[in-house]
Amino acid sequence: MFRSLGALVGDLLVVLLFVAMGLVQHGTALTTQNLFLVGWPFALGVLLGHLAIRAWRAPFRIWPHGVFVWAITLASAMALRTLFSAGTEVSFIIVTAVVTAVGMLGWRAVALYLTRDERAAPRVVTAAEAEQMEAEEADTEKSGDTH
């Protein structure tokens, strides 16, 4: 539950950071109103992406979850910007695609790396190893040694 919420928040933060960087780069005031006016198509795209791919099932996976959330975010944000005449020049689409891909897939790569021990496959014990462990336990019990 918390991981899926964390994935949604992570993607929304990437979008918010992208919008803020764009506003600053273009000399637009960094206000809550401007962040909302420019960012809402991207935020809606993130929500649609998470719902469409059911990202809560594996929130940190890069493929297919992260890639599809990113692609749906990009496509829906550009569609909404086109619908509302907000501008979707080719250069803007390319920059948006690259920056959001690096952000949305990058944080997932870091999260996967940091949680790798939690996903470690359980070790399969062979029959011979099981017998040996049982024998060692029996020897330990006979000698009265209980560590």
N, C-alpha and C. Protein backbone atom coordinates (compact mmCIF):
# COMPACT_ATOMS: atom_id res chain seq x y z
N MET A 1 0.82 -1.19 0.00
CA MET A 1 0.00 0.00 0.00
C MET A 1 0.87 1.26 0.00
N PHE A 2 1.81 1.32 0.95
CA PHE A 2 2.64 2.52 1.05
C PHE A 2 3.57 2.64 -0.15
N ARG A 3 4.01 1.53 -0.69
CA ARG A 3 4.89 1.59 -1.86
C ARG A 3 4.15 2.10 -3.08
N SER A 4 2.92 1.64 -3.27
CA SER A 4 2.17 2.12 -4.43
C SER A 4 1.86 3.60 -4.29
N LEU A 5 1.57 4.03 -3.09
CA LEU A 5 1.36 5.46 -2.86
C LEU A 5 2.68 6.21 -3.06
N GLY A 6 3.77 5.62 -2.63
CA GLY A 6 5.08 6.22 -2.82
C GLY A 6 5.43 6.34 -4.30
N ALA A 7 5.04 5.35 -5.10
CA ALA A 7 5.30 5.41 -6.54
C ALA A 7 4.50 6.53 -7.19
N LEU A 8 3.27 6.67 -6.78
CA LEU A 8 2.44 7.76 -7.31
C LEU A 8 3.03 9.11 -6.92
N VAL A 9 3.40 9.25 -5.67
CA VAL A 9 4.00 10.50 -5.20
C VAL A 9 5.33 10.76 -5.92
N GLY A 10 6.13 9.73 -6.09
CA GLY A 10 7.40 9.88 -6.80
C GLY A 10 7.20 10.40 -8.21
N ASP A 11 6.24 9.82 -8.93
CA ASP A 11 5.97 10.27 -10.29
C ASP A 11 5.42 11.70 -10.32
N LEU A 12 4.55 12.01 -9.37
CA LEU A 12 4.02 13.38 -9.30
C LEU A 12 5.12 14.38 -8.98
N LEU A 13 6.06 14.00 -8.13
CA LEU A 13 7.18 14.89 -7.83
C LEU A 13 8.07 15.11 -9.04
N VAL A 14 8.28 14.08 -9.83
CA VAL A 14 9.06 14.24 -11.06
C VAL A 14 8.37 15.24 -11.98
N VAL A 15 7.07 15.10 -12.15
CA VAL A 15 6.30 16.00 -13.01
C VAL A 15 6.35 17.43 -12.45
N LEU A 16 6.19 17.56 -11.15
CA LEU A 16 6.23 18.89 -10.53
C LEU A 16 7.60 19.53 -10.72
N LEU A 17 8.64 18.76 -10.54
CA LEU A 17 10.00 19.28 -10.74
C LEU A 17 10.22 19.68 -12.20
N PHE A 18 9.74 18.88 -13.12
CA PHE A 18 9.85 19.19 -14.54
C PHE A 18 9.14 20.50 -14.87
N VAL A 19 7.94 20.66 -14.37
CA VAL A 19 7.17 21.88 -14.63
C VAL A 19 7.87 23.08 -13.99
N ALA A 20 8.34 22.93 -12.77
CA ALA A 20 9.04 24.04 -12.09
C ALA A 20 10.30 24.43 -12.85
N MET A 21 11.06 23.45 -13.33
CA MET A 21 12.27 23.76 -14.09
C MET A 21 11.91 24.49 -15.39
N GLY A 22 10.83 24.07 -16.03
CA GLY A 22 10.39 24.74 -17.25
C GLY A 22 9.97 26.17 -17.01
N LEU A 23 9.25 26.40 -15.93
CA LEU A 23 8.82 27.76 -15.60
C LEU A 23 10.02 28.66 -15.35
N VAL A 24 10.96 28.18 -14.57
CA VAL A 24 12.17 28.97 -14.27
C VAL A 24 12.97 29.20 -15.55
N GLN A 25 13.14 28.16 -16.36
CA GLN A 25 13.91 28.26 -17.60
C GLN A 25 13.32 29.30 -18.56
N HIS A 26 12.01 29.42 -18.56
CA HIS A 26 11.35 30.35 -19.48
C HIS A 26 11.04 31.70 -18.83
N GLY A 27 11.52 31.92 -17.64
CA GLY A 27 11.36 33.21 -16.99
C GLY A 27 9.97 33.49 -16.46
N THR A 28 9.19 32.45 -16.24
CA THR A 28 7.85 32.59 -15.69
C THR A 28 7.93 32.47 -14.18
N ALA A 29 7.10 33.26 -13.50
CA ALA A 29 7.11 33.24 -12.04
C ALA A 29 6.75 31.85 -11.53
N LEU A 30 7.49 31.42 -10.52
CA LEU A 30 7.28 30.11 -9.92
C LEU A 30 6.24 30.24 -8.81
N THR A 31 4.98 30.29 -9.21
CA THR A 31 3.88 30.43 -8.26
C THR A 31 3.05 29.15 -8.25
N THR A 32 2.25 28.99 -7.23
CA THR A 32 1.37 27.83 -7.15
C THR A 32 0.41 27.82 -8.33
N GLN A 33 -0.09 28.99 -8.69
CA GLN A 33 -1.03 29.08 -9.81
C GLN A 33 -0.36 28.63 -11.12
N ASN A 34 0.83 29.11 -11.38
CA ASN A 34 1.53 28.71 -12.61
C ASN A 34 1.87 27.22 -12.60
N LEU A 35 2.29 26.70 -11.44
CA LEU A 35 2.57 25.27 -11.34
C LEU A 35 1.32 24.45 -11.67
N PHE A 36 0.18 24.90 -11.15
CA PHE A 36 -1.07 24.18 -11.42
C PHE A 36 -1.48 24.31 -12.88
N LEU A 37 -1.45 25.53 -13.42
CA LEU A 37 -1.89 25.75 -14.79
C LEU A 37 -1.06 24.98 -15.81
N VAL A 38 0.22 24.89 -15.59
CA VAL A 38 1.08 24.16 -16.52
C VAL A 38 1.12 22.67 -16.18
N GLY A 39 1.04 22.32 -14.91
CA GLY A 39 1.27 20.95 -14.48
C GLY A 39 0.07 20.03 -14.46
N TRP A 40 -1.15 20.56 -14.48
CA TRP A 40 -2.30 19.67 -14.33
C TRP A 40 -2.41 18.61 -15.43
N PRO A 41 -2.08 18.89 -16.70
CA PRO A 41 -2.17 17.79 -17.68
C PRO A 41 -1.19 16.65 -17.38
N PHE A 42 -0.02 17.00 -16.86
CA PHE A 42 0.97 15.98 -16.52
C PHE A 42 0.53 15.18 -15.30
N ALA A 43 -0.01 15.87 -14.30
CA ALA A 43 -0.48 15.19 -13.09
C ALA A 43 -1.64 14.25 -13.42
N LEU A 44 -2.55 14.71 -14.28
CA LEU A 44 -3.65 13.85 -14.70
C LEU A 44 -3.12 12.65 -15.48
N GLY A 45 -2.10 12.88 -16.30
CA GLY A 45 -1.48 11.78 -17.04
C GLY A 45 -0.86 10.75 -16.12
N VAL A 46 -0.19 11.21 -15.07
CA VAL A 46 0.39 10.27 -14.09
C VAL A 46 -0.72 9.43 -13.45
N LEU A 47 -1.80 10.07 -13.05
CA LEU A 47 -2.92 9.33 -12.44
C LEU A 47 -3.50 8.31 -13.42
N LEU A 48 -3.72 8.74 -14.65
CA LEU A 48 -4.24 7.81 -15.66
C LEU A 48 -3.28 6.65 -15.89
N GLY A 49 -2.00 6.95 -15.94
CA GLY A 49 -1.01 5.90 -16.14
C GLY A 49 -1.02 4.88 -15.02
N HIS A 50 -1.07 5.36 -13.80
CA HIS A 50 -1.08 4.45 -12.65
C HIS A 50 -2.34 3.59 -12.64
N LEU A 51 -3.46 4.18 -12.99
CA LEU A 51 -4.71 3.40 -13.01
C LEU A 51 -4.73 2.42 -14.18
N ALA A 52 -4.28 2.85 -15.35
CA ALA A 52 -4.34 1.99 -16.53
C ALA A 52 -3.46 0.76 -16.40
N ILE A 53 -2.28 0.91 -15.85
CA ILE A 53 -1.34 -0.20 -15.75
C ILE A 53 -1.48 -0.93 -14.42
N ARG A 54 -2.32 -0.40 -13.54
CA ARG A 54 -2.49 -0.94 -12.18
C ARG A 54 -1.12 -1.02 -11.50
N ALA A 55 -0.48 0.13 -11.45
CA ALA A 55 0.90 0.23 -10.97
C ALA A 55 1.06 -0.19 -9.52
N TRP A 56 0.01 -0.25 -8.77
CA TRP A 56 0.12 -0.64 -7.35
C TRP A 56 0.54 -2.10 -7.20
N ARG A 57 0.42 -2.89 -8.26
CA ARG A 57 0.81 -4.31 -8.18
C ARG A 57 2.32 -4.49 -8.09
N ALA A 58 3.06 -3.63 -8.76
CA ALA A 58 4.53 -3.68 -8.72
C ALA A 58 5.04 -2.27 -8.94
N PRO A 59 4.92 -1.41 -7.93
CA PRO A 59 5.15 0.03 -8.14
C PRO A 59 6.56 0.42 -8.53
N PHE A 60 7.57 -0.38 -8.19
CA PHE A 60 8.95 0.01 -8.50
C PHE A 60 9.47 -0.60 -9.79
N ARG A 61 8.72 -1.48 -10.41
CA ARG A 61 9.19 -2.14 -11.63
C ARG A 61 9.37 -1.12 -12.75
N ILE A 62 10.50 -1.22 -13.42
CA ILE A 62 10.75 -0.33 -14.55
C ILE A 62 9.98 -0.83 -15.77
N TRP A 63 10.08 -2.14 -16.04
CA TRP A 63 9.35 -2.72 -17.16
C TRP A 63 8.36 -3.73 -16.64
N PRO A 64 7.14 -3.70 -17.03
CA PRO A 64 6.50 -2.76 -17.92
C PRO A 64 5.87 -1.55 -17.22
N HIS A 65 5.74 -1.64 -15.89
CA HIS A 65 4.98 -0.62 -15.17
C HIS A 65 5.51 0.80 -15.36
N GLY A 66 6.77 1.00 -15.06
CA GLY A 66 7.34 2.34 -15.16
C GLY A 66 7.28 2.91 -16.56
N VAL A 67 7.61 2.08 -17.54
CA VAL A 67 7.61 2.53 -18.94
C VAL A 67 6.20 2.89 -19.39
N PHE A 68 5.22 2.07 -19.03
CA PHE A 68 3.86 2.37 -19.44
C PHE A 68 3.29 3.58 -18.71
N VAL A 69 3.57 3.73 -17.44
CA VAL A 69 3.12 4.92 -16.72
C VAL A 69 3.72 6.16 -17.36
N TRP A 70 5.01 6.10 -17.69
CA TRP A 70 5.66 7.23 -18.35
C TRP A 70 5.03 7.52 -19.71
N ALA A 71 4.82 6.49 -20.52
CA ALA A 71 4.26 6.68 -21.86
C ALA A 71 2.84 7.22 -21.81
N ILE A 72 2.03 6.71 -20.90
CA ILE A 72 0.65 7.20 -20.76
C ILE A 72 0.66 8.63 -20.25
N THR A 73 1.56 8.93 -19.32
CA THR A 73 1.68 10.30 -18.83
C THR A 73 2.03 11.24 -19.98
N LEU A 74 3.02 10.88 -20.75
CA LEU A 74 3.46 11.73 -21.86
C LEU A 74 2.35 11.90 -22.89
N ALA A 75 1.74 10.81 -23.31
CA ALA A 75 0.71 10.87 -24.35
C ALA A 75 -0.51 11.67 -23.89
N SER A 76 -0.97 11.40 -22.69
CA SER A 76 -2.17 12.11 -22.22
C SER A 76 -1.88 13.59 -21.95
N ALA A 77 -0.71 13.90 -21.42
CA ALA A 77 -0.36 15.30 -21.19
C ALA A 77 -0.28 16.06 -22.51
N MET A 78 0.32 15.45 -23.52
CA MET A 78 0.42 16.13 -24.82
C MET A 78 -0.96 16.25 -25.47
N ALA A 79 -1.80 15.24 -25.32
CA ALA A 79 -3.16 15.32 -25.86
C ALA A 79 -3.95 16.44 -25.18
N LEU A 80 -3.84 16.53 -23.86
CA LEU A 80 -4.54 17.60 -23.15
C LEU A 80 -4.00 18.97 -23.50
N ARG A 81 -2.69 19.09 -23.63
CA ARG A 81 -2.09 20.37 -24.01
C ARG A 81 -2.53 20.77 -25.43
N THR A 82 -2.63 19.80 -26.32
CA THR A 82 -3.11 20.09 -27.68
C THR A 82 -4.58 20.50 -27.64
N LEU A 83 -5.37 19.78 -26.88
CA LEU A 83 -6.80 20.07 -26.77
C LEU A 83 -7.04 21.49 -26.25
N PHE A 84 -6.20 21.93 -25.32
CA PHE A 84 -6.37 23.26 -24.73
C PHE A 84 -5.42 24.30 -25.33
N SER A 85 -4.85 23.98 -26.48
CA SER A 85 -3.96 24.90 -27.21
C SER A 85 -2.83 25.44 -26.34
N ALA A 86 -2.22 24.57 -25.57
CA ALA A 86 -1.13 24.98 -24.67
C ALA A 86 0.24 24.81 -25.30
N GLY A 87 0.30 24.27 -26.48
CA GLY A 87 1.58 24.14 -27.17
C GLY A 87 2.19 22.76 -27.03
N THR A 88 2.42 22.15 -28.18
CA THR A 88 3.07 20.84 -28.21
C THR A 88 4.04 20.79 -29.39
N GLU A 89 4.95 21.73 -29.43
CA GLU A 89 5.96 21.72 -30.48
C GLU A 89 6.81 20.46 -30.34
N VAL A 90 7.39 20.04 -31.45
CA VAL A 90 8.18 18.80 -31.46
C VAL A 90 9.32 18.88 -30.45
N SER A 91 10.00 20.02 -30.38
CA SER A 91 11.11 20.16 -29.43
C SER A 91 10.62 20.02 -27.99
N PHE A 92 9.44 20.55 -27.70
CA PHE A 92 8.88 20.43 -26.36
C PHE A 92 8.55 18.97 -26.04
N ILE A 93 8.00 18.26 -27.01
CA ILE A 93 7.66 16.85 -26.79
C ILE A 93 8.93 16.04 -26.53
N ILE A 94 9.98 16.31 -27.30
CA ILE A 94 11.23 15.57 -27.12
C ILE A 94 11.84 15.84 -25.75
N VAL A 95 11.91 17.12 -25.38
CA VAL A 95 12.47 17.47 -24.06
C VAL A 95 11.63 16.87 -22.95
N THR A 96 10.32 16.97 -23.08
CA THR A 96 9.42 16.40 -22.07
C THR A 96 9.61 14.89 -21.95
N ALA A 97 9.70 14.21 -23.10
CA ALA A 97 9.86 12.76 -23.09
C ALA A 97 11.16 12.36 -22.40
N VAL A 98 12.25 13.03 -22.74
CA VAL A 98 13.55 12.66 -22.18
C VAL A 98 13.61 12.96 -20.68
N VAL A 99 13.22 14.16 -20.30
CA VAL A 99 13.33 14.56 -18.89
C VAL A 99 12.42 13.72 -18.01
N THR A 100 11.17 13.52 -18.44
CA THR A 100 10.27 12.72 -17.59
C THR A 100 10.67 11.25 -17.58
N ALA A 101 11.21 10.74 -18.68
CA ALA A 101 11.67 9.34 -18.69
C ALA A 101 12.82 9.16 -17.72
N VAL A 102 13.79 10.07 -17.77
CA VAL A 102 14.93 9.97 -16.85
C VAL A 102 14.44 10.05 -15.41
N GLY A 103 13.52 10.96 -15.14
CA GLY A 103 13.02 11.12 -13.77
C GLY A 103 12.18 9.95 -13.31
N MET A 104 11.18 9.57 -14.11
CA MET A 104 10.22 8.54 -13.69
C MET A 104 10.84 7.14 -13.68
N LEU A 105 11.73 6.87 -14.62
CA LEU A 105 12.38 5.56 -14.62
C LEU A 105 13.61 5.55 -13.74
N GLY A 106 14.24 6.71 -13.59
CA GLY A 106 15.44 6.81 -12.75
C GLY A 106 15.17 6.58 -11.29
N TRP A 107 14.10 7.19 -10.77
CA TRP A 107 13.83 6.98 -9.34
C TRP A 107 13.44 5.52 -9.08
N ARG A 108 12.78 4.89 -10.07
CA ARG A 108 12.45 3.47 -9.90
C ARG A 108 13.71 2.60 -9.86
N ALA A 109 14.68 2.94 -10.70
CA ALA A 109 15.95 2.19 -10.69
C ALA A 109 16.63 2.32 -9.34
N VAL A 110 16.63 3.51 -8.78
CA VAL A 110 17.22 3.73 -7.45
C VAL A 110 16.44 2.95 -6.40
N ALA A 111 15.12 2.99 -6.47
CA ALA A 111 14.29 2.26 -5.50
C ALA A 111 14.52 0.76 -5.60
N LEU A 112 14.62 0.24 -6.82
CA LEU A 112 14.90 -1.19 -6.99
C LEU A 112 16.25 -1.56 -6.39
N TYR A 113 17.23 -0.72 -6.60
CA TYR A 113 18.56 -0.99 -6.06
C TYR A 113 18.53 -0.97 -4.53
N LEU A 114 17.85 0.01 -3.95
CA LEU A 114 17.83 0.14 -2.49
C LEU A 114 17.02 -0.95 -1.81
N THR A 115 16.08 -1.56 -2.52
CA THR A 115 15.24 -2.60 -1.92
C THR A 115 15.57 -3.99 -2.46
N ARG A 116 16.74 -4.15 -3.06
CA ARG A 116 17.10 -5.44 -3.68
C ARG A 116 17.13 -6.59 -2.68
N ASP A 117 17.53 -6.34 -1.43
CA ASP A 117 17.60 -7.42 -0.45
C ASP A 117 16.22 -7.94 -0.08
N GLU A 118 15.22 -7.09 -0.17
CA GLU A 118 13.85 -7.51 0.17
C GLU A 118 13.28 -8.46 -0.87
N ARG A 119 13.81 -8.41 -2.09
CA ARG A 119 13.30 -9.23 -3.17
C ARG A 119 14.18 -10.45 -3.44
N ALA A 120 15.19 -10.67 -2.63
CA ALA A 120 16.11 -11.79 -2.86
C ALA A 120 15.32 -13.09 -2.82
N ALA A 121 15.56 -13.94 -3.79
CA ALA A 121 14.85 -15.21 -3.88
C ALA A 121 15.27 -16.10 -2.71
N PRO A 122 14.31 -16.81 -2.14
CA PRO A 122 14.68 -17.73 -1.06
C PRO A 122 15.57 -18.84 -1.60
N ARG A 123 16.50 -19.26 -0.77
CA ARG A 123 17.45 -20.29 -1.16
C ARG A 123 16.77 -21.65 -1.09
N VAL A 124 16.93 -22.42 -2.14
CA VAL A 124 16.35 -23.77 -2.20
C VAL A 124 17.35 -24.73 -1.57
N VAL A 125 16.86 -25.49 -0.61
CA VAL A 125 17.70 -26.46 0.08
C VAL A 125 17.49 -27.82 -0.55
N THR A 126 18.58 -28.47 -0.93
CA THR A 126 18.48 -29.81 -1.53
C THR A 126 18.21 -30.83 -0.42
N ALA A 127 17.82 -32.02 -0.84
CA ALA A 127 17.53 -33.09 0.12
C ALA A 127 18.78 -33.44 0.92
N ALA A 128 19.93 -33.49 0.26
CA ALA A 128 21.18 -33.83 0.95
C ALA A 128 21.52 -32.76 1.99
N GLU A 129 21.32 -31.49 1.65
CA GLU A 129 21.59 -30.41 2.60
C GLU A 129 20.64 -30.48 3.79
N ALA A 130 19.38 -30.83 3.51
CA ALA A 130 18.40 -30.94 4.59
C ALA A 130 18.78 -32.06 5.54
N GLU A 131 19.22 -33.19 4.99
CA GLU A 131 19.64 -34.31 5.84
C GLU A 131 20.85 -33.92 6.69
N GLN A 132 21.79 -33.20 6.08
CA GLN A 132 22.98 -32.79 6.80
C GLN A 132 22.61 -31.83 7.93
N MET A 133 21.70 -30.91 7.66
CA MET A 133 21.29 -29.96 8.71
C MET A 133 20.58 -30.69 9.84
N GLU A 134 19.74 -31.69 9.50
CA GLU A 134 19.05 -32.47 10.52
C GLU A 134 20.05 -33.24 11.37
N ALA A 135 21.07 -33.79 10.73
CA ALA A 135 22.10 -34.54 11.45
C ALA A 135 22.86 -33.62 12.40
N GLU A 136 23.19 -32.44 11.93
CA GLU A 136 23.91 -31.49 12.78
C GLU A 136 23.04 -31.07 13.97
N GLU A 137 21.73 -30.88 13.75
CA GLU A 137 20.83 -30.52 14.84
C GLU A 137 20.74 -31.67 15.85
N ALA A 138 20.69 -32.90 15.36
CA ALA A 138 20.61 -34.06 16.25
C ALA A 138 21.88 -34.19 17.07
N ASP A 139 23.05 -33.96 16.44
CA ASP A 139 24.32 -34.00 17.17
C ASP A 139 24.36 -32.93 18.25
N THR A 140 23.86 -31.77 17.93
CA THR A 140 23.85 -30.66 18.87
C THR A 140 22.96 -30.99 20.07
N GLU A 141 21.79 -31.59 19.82
CA GLU A 141 20.88 -31.96 20.90
C GLU A 141 21.46 -33.06 21.77
N LYS A 142 22.18 -34.02 21.18
CA LYS A 142 22.78 -35.10 21.95
C LYS A 142 23.88 -34.59 22.87
N SER A 143 24.63 -33.64 22.39
CA SER A 143 25.75 -33.13 23.21
C SER A 143 25.26 -32.13 24.26
N GLY A 144 23.98 -31.73 24.16
CA GLY A 144 23.45 -30.79 25.13
C GLY A 144 23.88 -29.35 24.87
N ASP A 145 24.47 -29.12 23.73
CA ASP A 145 24.93 -27.79 23.36
C ASP A 145 23.79 -27.07 22.65
N THR A 146 23.30 -25.98 23.22
CA THR A 146 22.19 -25.23 22.62
C THR A 146 22.60 -23.80 22.44
N HIS A 147 23.22 -23.48 21.31
CA HIS A 147 23.53 -22.07 21.07
C HIS A 147 22.43 -21.42 20.35
